[in-house]
């Protein structure tokens, strides 16, 4: 057992969410599903907790009921390798009721916040040429889904 695992509290959709998340990120898998028994408190046979990994990062999705809601104070940050990866994750995570946010942030249909960010963004925003860094920052602040080519263009690179 790992010492630290991030737990995400869902009303009843833990297994559905874990299945989607593991389908999106290469090298991800569901490790264990614990199900409610006859004693409850959930419907017998439904998932109580789902342990899964996203590219080596361990999470537990808990069906704890409707008492808690996700906020932007906690988010899943994904460092994407390409515009294609950004586009695919953005589309899949915002479908069926997800919400686009600013600067590469979104909420999925369950309210979990995600940062879908190109791995090159820190380099652009911290570029040695202040004009390039400022151009990238200004462009990013006007975006929802990050457009990597537009960031490079705005940075003059």
C-alpha atoms as a PDB file:
ATOM      1  CA  UNK A   1       0.000   0.000   0.000  1.00  0.00           C
ATOM      2  CA  UNK A   2       1.274   3.449  -0.881  1.00  0.00           C
ATOM      3  CA  UNK A   3       1.636   5.950   1.887  1.00  0.00           C
ATOM      4  CA  UNK A   4      -0.164   8.771   0.030  1.00  0.00           C
ATOM      5  CA  UNK A   5      -3.111   8.480  -2.350  1.00  0.00           C
ATOM      6  CA  UNK A   6      -5.312  11.354  -3.513  1.00  0.00           C
ATOM      7  CA  UNK A   7      -8.982  10.646  -2.740  1.00  0.00           C
ATOM      8  CA  UNK A   8     -11.761  12.090  -4.911  1.00  0.00           C
ATOM      9  CA  UNK A   9     -15.256  12.096  -3.347  1.00  0.00           C
ATOM     10  CA  UNK A  10     -18.108  11.404  -5.761  1.00  0.00           C
ATOM     11  CA  UNK A  11     -21.806  11.095  -5.018  1.00  0.00           C
ATOM     12  CA  UNK A  12     -22.266   7.757  -6.839  1.00  0.00           C
ATOM     13  CA  UNK A  13     -20.123   7.933 -10.002  1.00  0.00           C
ATOM     14  CA  UNK A  14     -16.675   6.832  -8.774  1.00  0.00           C
ATOM     15  CA  UNK A  15     -16.410   3.777 -11.008  1.00  0.00           C
ATOM     16  CA  UNK A  16     -17.668   5.622 -14.091  1.00  0.00           C
ATOM     17  CA  UNK A  17     -15.195   8.462 -13.504  1.00  0.00           C
ATOM     18  CA  UNK A  18     -12.233   6.131 -12.877  1.00  0.00           C
ATOM     19  CA  UNK A  19     -13.075   4.185 -16.030  1.00  0.00           C
ATOM     20  CA  UNK A  20     -13.105   7.379 -18.117  1.00  0.00           C
ATOM     21  CA  UNK A  21      -9.939   8.787 -16.558  1.00  0.00           C
ATOM     22  CA  UNK A  22      -7.935   5.582 -17.050  1.00  0.00           C
ATOM     23  CA  UNK A  23      -9.084   5.397 -20.691  1.00  0.00           C
ATOM     24  CA  UNK A  24      -7.686   8.884 -21.373  1.00  0.00           C
ATOM     25  CA  UNK A  25      -4.162   8.732 -19.940  1.00  0.00           C
ATOM     26  CA  UNK A  26      -1.686   6.172 -21.314  1.00  0.00           C
ATOM     27  CA  UNK A  27      -0.137   3.931 -18.680  1.00  0.00           C
ATOM     28  CA  UNK A  28      -3.229   4.109 -16.467  1.00  0.00           C
ATOM     29  CA  UNK A  29      -5.323   1.377 -14.913  1.00  0.00           C
ATOM     30  CA  UNK A  30      -7.967   0.528 -12.374  1.00  0.00           C
ATOM     31  CA  UNK A  31      -6.260  -1.395  -9.581  1.00  0.00           C
ATOM     32  CA  UNK A  32      -9.121  -2.357  -7.276  1.00  0.00           C
ATOM     33  CA  UNK A  33     -12.852  -1.906  -6.841  1.00  0.00           C
ATOM     34  CA  UNK A  34     -14.378  -2.325  -3.395  1.00  0.00           C
ATOM     35  CA  UNK A  35     -18.123  -2.866  -3.526  1.00  0.00           C
ATOM     36  CA  UNK A  36     -20.876  -2.237  -1.020  1.00  0.00           C
ATOM     37  CA  UNK A  37     -22.244  -5.347   0.624  1.00  0.00           C
ATOM     38  CA  UNK A  38     -25.674  -6.077   2.039  1.00  0.00           C
ATOM     39  CA  UNK A  39     -24.869  -3.880   5.048  1.00  0.00           C
ATOM     40  CA  UNK A  40     -24.685  -0.764   2.808  1.00  0.00           C
ATOM     41  CA  UNK A  41     -24.706   2.128   3.118  1.00  0.00           C
ATOM     42  CA  UNK A  42     -24.735   2.062  -0.702  1.00  0.00           C
ATOM     43  CA  UNK A  43     -26.644  -0.245  -3.018  1.00  0.00           C
ATOM     44  CA  UNK A  44     -25.211  -3.763  -2.689  1.00  0.00           C
ATOM     45  CA  UNK A  45     -22.821  -4.557  -5.528  1.00  0.00           C
ATOM     46  CA  UNK A  46     -22.134  -0.942  -6.502  1.00  0.00           C
ATOM     47  CA  UNK A  47     -18.683   0.551  -6.134  1.00  0.00           C
ATOM     48  CA  UNK A  48     -17.803   1.972  -2.751  1.00  0.00           C
ATOM     49  CA  UNK A  49     -14.192   2.873  -3.645  1.00  0.00           C
ATOM     50  CA  UNK A  50     -12.127   2.532  -6.799  1.00  0.00           C
ATOM     51  CA  UNK A  51      -8.330   2.652  -6.622  1.00  0.00           C
ATOM     52  CA  UNK A  52      -6.696   3.621  -9.890  1.00  0.00           C
ATOM     53  CA  UNK A  53      -3.489   5.057 -11.313  1.00  0.00           C
ATOM     54  CA  UNK A  54      -3.090   7.779 -13.903  1.00  0.00           C
ATOM     55  CA  UNK A  55       0.409   7.494 -15.393  1.00  0.00           C
ATOM     56  CA  UNK A  56       1.769   6.223 -12.072  1.00  0.00           C
ATOM     57  CA  UNK A  57      -0.105   8.697  -9.836  1.00  0.00           C
ATOM     58  CA  UNK A  58      -2.454   6.860  -7.490  1.00  0.00           C
ATOM     59  CA  UNK A  59      -6.014   8.006  -6.791  1.00  0.00           C
ATOM     60  CA  UNK A  60      -8.995   6.625  -4.956  1.00  0.00           C
ATOM     61  CA  UNK A  61     -12.495   7.519  -6.114  1.00  0.00           C
ATOM     62  CA  UNK A  62     -14.973   7.199  -3.247  1.00  0.00           C
ATOM     63  CA  UNK A  63     -18.748   7.048  -3.560  1.00  0.00           C
ATOM     64  CA  UNK A  64     -19.447   9.015  -0.401  1.00  0.00           C
ATOM     65  CA  UNK A  65     -22.825  10.499  -1.267  1.00  0.00           C
ATOM     66  CA  UNK A  66     -23.877  14.014  -2.250  1.00  0.00           C
ATOM     67  CA  UNK A  67     -22.567  15.797   0.849  1.00  0.00           C
ATOM     68  CA  UNK A  68     -19.323  17.102  -0.696  1.00  0.00           C
ATOM     69  CA  UNK A  69     -18.537  18.966  -3.912  1.00  0.00           C
ATOM     70  CA  UNK A  70     -15.325  19.512  -5.834  1.00  0.00           C
ATOM     71  CA  UNK A  71     -13.784  22.978  -6.070  1.00  0.00           C
ATOM     72  CA  UNK A  72     -10.974  24.483  -8.134  1.00  0.00           C
ATOM     73  CA  UNK A  73      -8.837  24.435  -4.985  1.00  0.00           C
ATOM     74  CA  UNK A  74      -7.818  20.922  -6.026  1.00  0.00           C
ATOM     75  CA  UNK A  75      -7.140  19.976  -9.635  1.00  0.00           C
ATOM     76  CA  UNK A  76      -5.504  17.273 -11.707  1.00  0.00           C
ATOM     77  CA  UNK A  77      -2.620  18.740 -13.728  1.00  0.00           C
ATOM     78  CA  UNK A  78      -1.744  16.936 -16.973  1.00  0.00           C
ATOM     79  CA  UNK A  79       1.486  17.897 -18.763  1.00  0.00           C
ATOM     80  CA  UNK A  80       0.639  17.208 -22.405  1.00  0.00           C
ATOM     81  CA  UNK A  81       3.217  16.364 -25.059  1.00  0.00           C
ATOM     82  CA  UNK A  82       1.345  17.721 -28.089  1.00  0.00           C
ATOM     83  CA  UNK A  83      -1.578  19.805 -29.309  1.00  0.00           C
ATOM     84  CA  UNK A  84      -3.280  16.569 -30.310  1.00  0.00           C
ATOM     85  CA  UNK A  85      -3.116  15.320 -26.718  1.00  0.00           C
ATOM     86  CA  UNK A  86      -4.449  18.660 -25.443  1.00  0.00           C
ATOM     87  CA  UNK A  87      -7.305  18.574 -27.951  1.00  0.00           C
ATOM     88  CA  UNK A  88      -8.273  14.963 -27.152  1.00  0.00           C
ATOM     89  CA  UNK A  89      -8.238  15.381 -23.374  1.00  0.00           C
ATOM     90  CA  UNK A  90     -10.089  18.690 -23.602  1.00  0.00           C
ATOM     91  CA  UNK A  91     -12.818  17.203 -25.792  1.00  0.00           C
ATOM     92  CA  UNK A  92     -13.280  14.048 -23.718  1.00  0.00           C
ATOM     93  CA  UNK A  93     -13.239  15.779 -20.333  1.00  0.00           C
ATOM     94  CA  UNK A  94     -15.651  18.558 -21.315  1.00  0.00           C
ATOM     95  CA  UNK A  95     -18.157  16.298 -23.088  1.00  0.00           C
ATOM     96  CA  UNK A  96     -21.469  15.388 -21.435  1.00  0.00           C
ATOM     97  CA  UNK A  97     -21.675  18.445 -19.209  1.00  0.00           C
ATOM     98  CA  UNK A  98     -18.067  19.458 -18.571  1.00  0.00           C
ATOM     99  CA  UNK A  99     -17.197  23.165 -18.461  1.00  0.00           C
ATOM    100  CA  UNK A 100     -14.362  25.062 -20.103  1.00  0.00           C
ATOM    101  CA  UNK A 101     -12.366  27.394 -17.903  1.00  0.00           C
ATOM    102  CA  UNK A 102      -9.595  29.906 -18.493  1.00  0.00           C
ATOM    103  CA  UNK A 103      -5.923  29.220 -19.239  1.00  0.00           C
ATOM    104  CA  UNK A 104      -6.179  25.469 -19.805  1.00  0.00           C
ATOM    105  CA  UNK A 105      -8.498  24.728 -16.858  1.00  0.00           C
ATOM    106  CA  UNK A 106     -11.736  22.784 -17.168  1.00  0.00           C
ATOM    107  CA  UNK A 107     -14.227  20.913 -15.042  1.00  0.00           C
ATOM    108  CA  UNK A 108     -15.369  17.472 -16.096  1.00  0.00           C
ATOM    109  CA  UNK A 109     -19.012  16.368 -15.886  1.00  0.00           C
ATOM    110  CA  UNK A 110     -18.568  15.476 -12.191  1.00  0.00           C
ATOM    111  CA  UNK A 111     -17.014  18.817 -11.265  1.00  0.00           C
ATOM    112  CA  UNK A 112     -13.397  17.635 -10.964  1.00  0.00           C
ATOM    113  CA  UNK A 113     -11.037  20.443 -12.064  1.00  0.00           C
ATOM    114  CA  UNK A 114      -8.299  19.628 -14.556  1.00  0.00           C
ATOM    115  CA  UNK A 115      -5.385  21.629 -15.928  1.00  0.00           C
ATOM    116  CA  UNK A 116      -4.668  20.466 -19.486  1.00  0.00           C
ATOM    117  CA  UNK A 117      -1.317  22.137 -20.050  1.00  0.00           C
ATOM    118  CA  UNK A 118       1.454  21.653 -22.632  1.00  0.00           C
ATOM    119  CA  UNK A 119       4.699  20.596 -21.000  1.00  0.00           C
ATOM    120  CA  UNK A 120       6.338  23.522 -22.858  1.00  0.00           C
ATOM    121  CA  UNK A 121       4.260  26.177 -21.053  1.00  0.00           C
ATOM    122  CA  UNK A 122       6.649  26.759 -18.105  1.00  0.00           C
ATOM    123  CA  UNK A 123       9.517  27.240 -20.564  1.00  0.00           C
ATOM    124  CA  UNK A 124       7.522  29.779 -22.578  1.00  0.00           C
ATOM    125  CA  UNK A 125       6.286  31.716 -19.549  1.00  0.00           C
ATOM    126  CA  UNK A 126       9.781  31.746 -18.047  1.00  0.00           C
ATOM    127  CA  UNK A 127      11.640  32.430 -21.307  1.00  0.00           C
ATOM    128  CA  UNK A 128      14.954  34.298 -20.977  1.00  0.00           C
ATOM    129  CA  UNK A 129      13.636  36.962 -23.359  1.00  0.00           C
ATOM    130  CA  UNK A 130      11.127  38.985 -21.323  1.00  0.00           C
ATOM    131  CA  UNK A 131       9.221  40.020 -24.458  1.00  0.00           C
ATOM    132  CA  UNK A 132       8.755  36.367 -25.434  1.00  0.00           C
ATOM    133  CA  UNK A 133       7.595  35.452 -21.922  1.00  0.00           C
ATOM    134  CA  UNK A 134       5.183  38.416 -21.842  1.00  0.00           C
ATOM    135  CA  UNK A 135       3.800  37.568 -25.274  1.00  0.00           C
ATOM    136  CA  UNK A 136       3.151  33.970 -24.227  1.00  0.00           C
ATOM    137  CA  UNK A 137       1.525  35.099 -20.961  1.00  0.00           C
ATOM    138  CA  UNK A 138      -0.752  37.598 -22.707  1.00  0.00           C
ATOM    139  CA  UNK A 139      -1.833  34.977 -25.233  1.00  0.00           C
ATOM    140  CA  UNK A 140      -2.445  32.327 -22.559  1.00  0.00           C
ATOM    141  CA  UNK A 141      -4.611  34.683 -20.505  1.00  0.00           C
ATOM    142  CA  UNK A 142      -6.949  35.035 -23.486  1.00  0.00           C
ATOM    143  CA  UNK A 143      -7.329  31.292 -24.030  1.00  0.00           C
ATOM    144  CA  UNK A 144      -9.587  28.609 -22.699  1.00  0.00           C
ATOM    145  CA  UNK A 145      -8.078  25.477 -24.267  1.00  0.00           C
ATOM    146  CA  UNK A 146      -4.362  26.105 -24.746  1.00  0.00           C
ATOM    147  CA  UNK A 147      -3.274  26.555 -28.358  1.00  0.00           C
ATOM    148  CA  UNK A 148       0.428  25.725 -28.405  1.00  0.00           C
ATOM    149  CA  UNK A 149       1.114  27.192 -31.882  1.00  0.00           C
ATOM    150  CA  UNK A 150      -0.578  30.469 -30.890  1.00  0.00           C
ATOM    151  CA  UNK A 151       1.578  30.633 -27.748  1.00  0.00           C
ATOM    152  CA  UNK A 152       4.773  30.238 -29.778  1.00  0.00           C
ATOM    153  CA  UNK A 153       3.560  32.814 -32.273  1.00  0.00           C
ATOM    154  CA  UNK A 154       2.686  35.295 -29.513  1.00  0.00           C
ATOM    155  CA  UNK A 155       6.128  34.725 -27.993  1.00  0.00           C
ATOM    156  CA  UNK A 156       7.747  35.385 -31.374  1.00  0.00           C
ATOM    157  CA  UNK A 157       9.407  31.982 -31.360  1.00  0.00           C
END
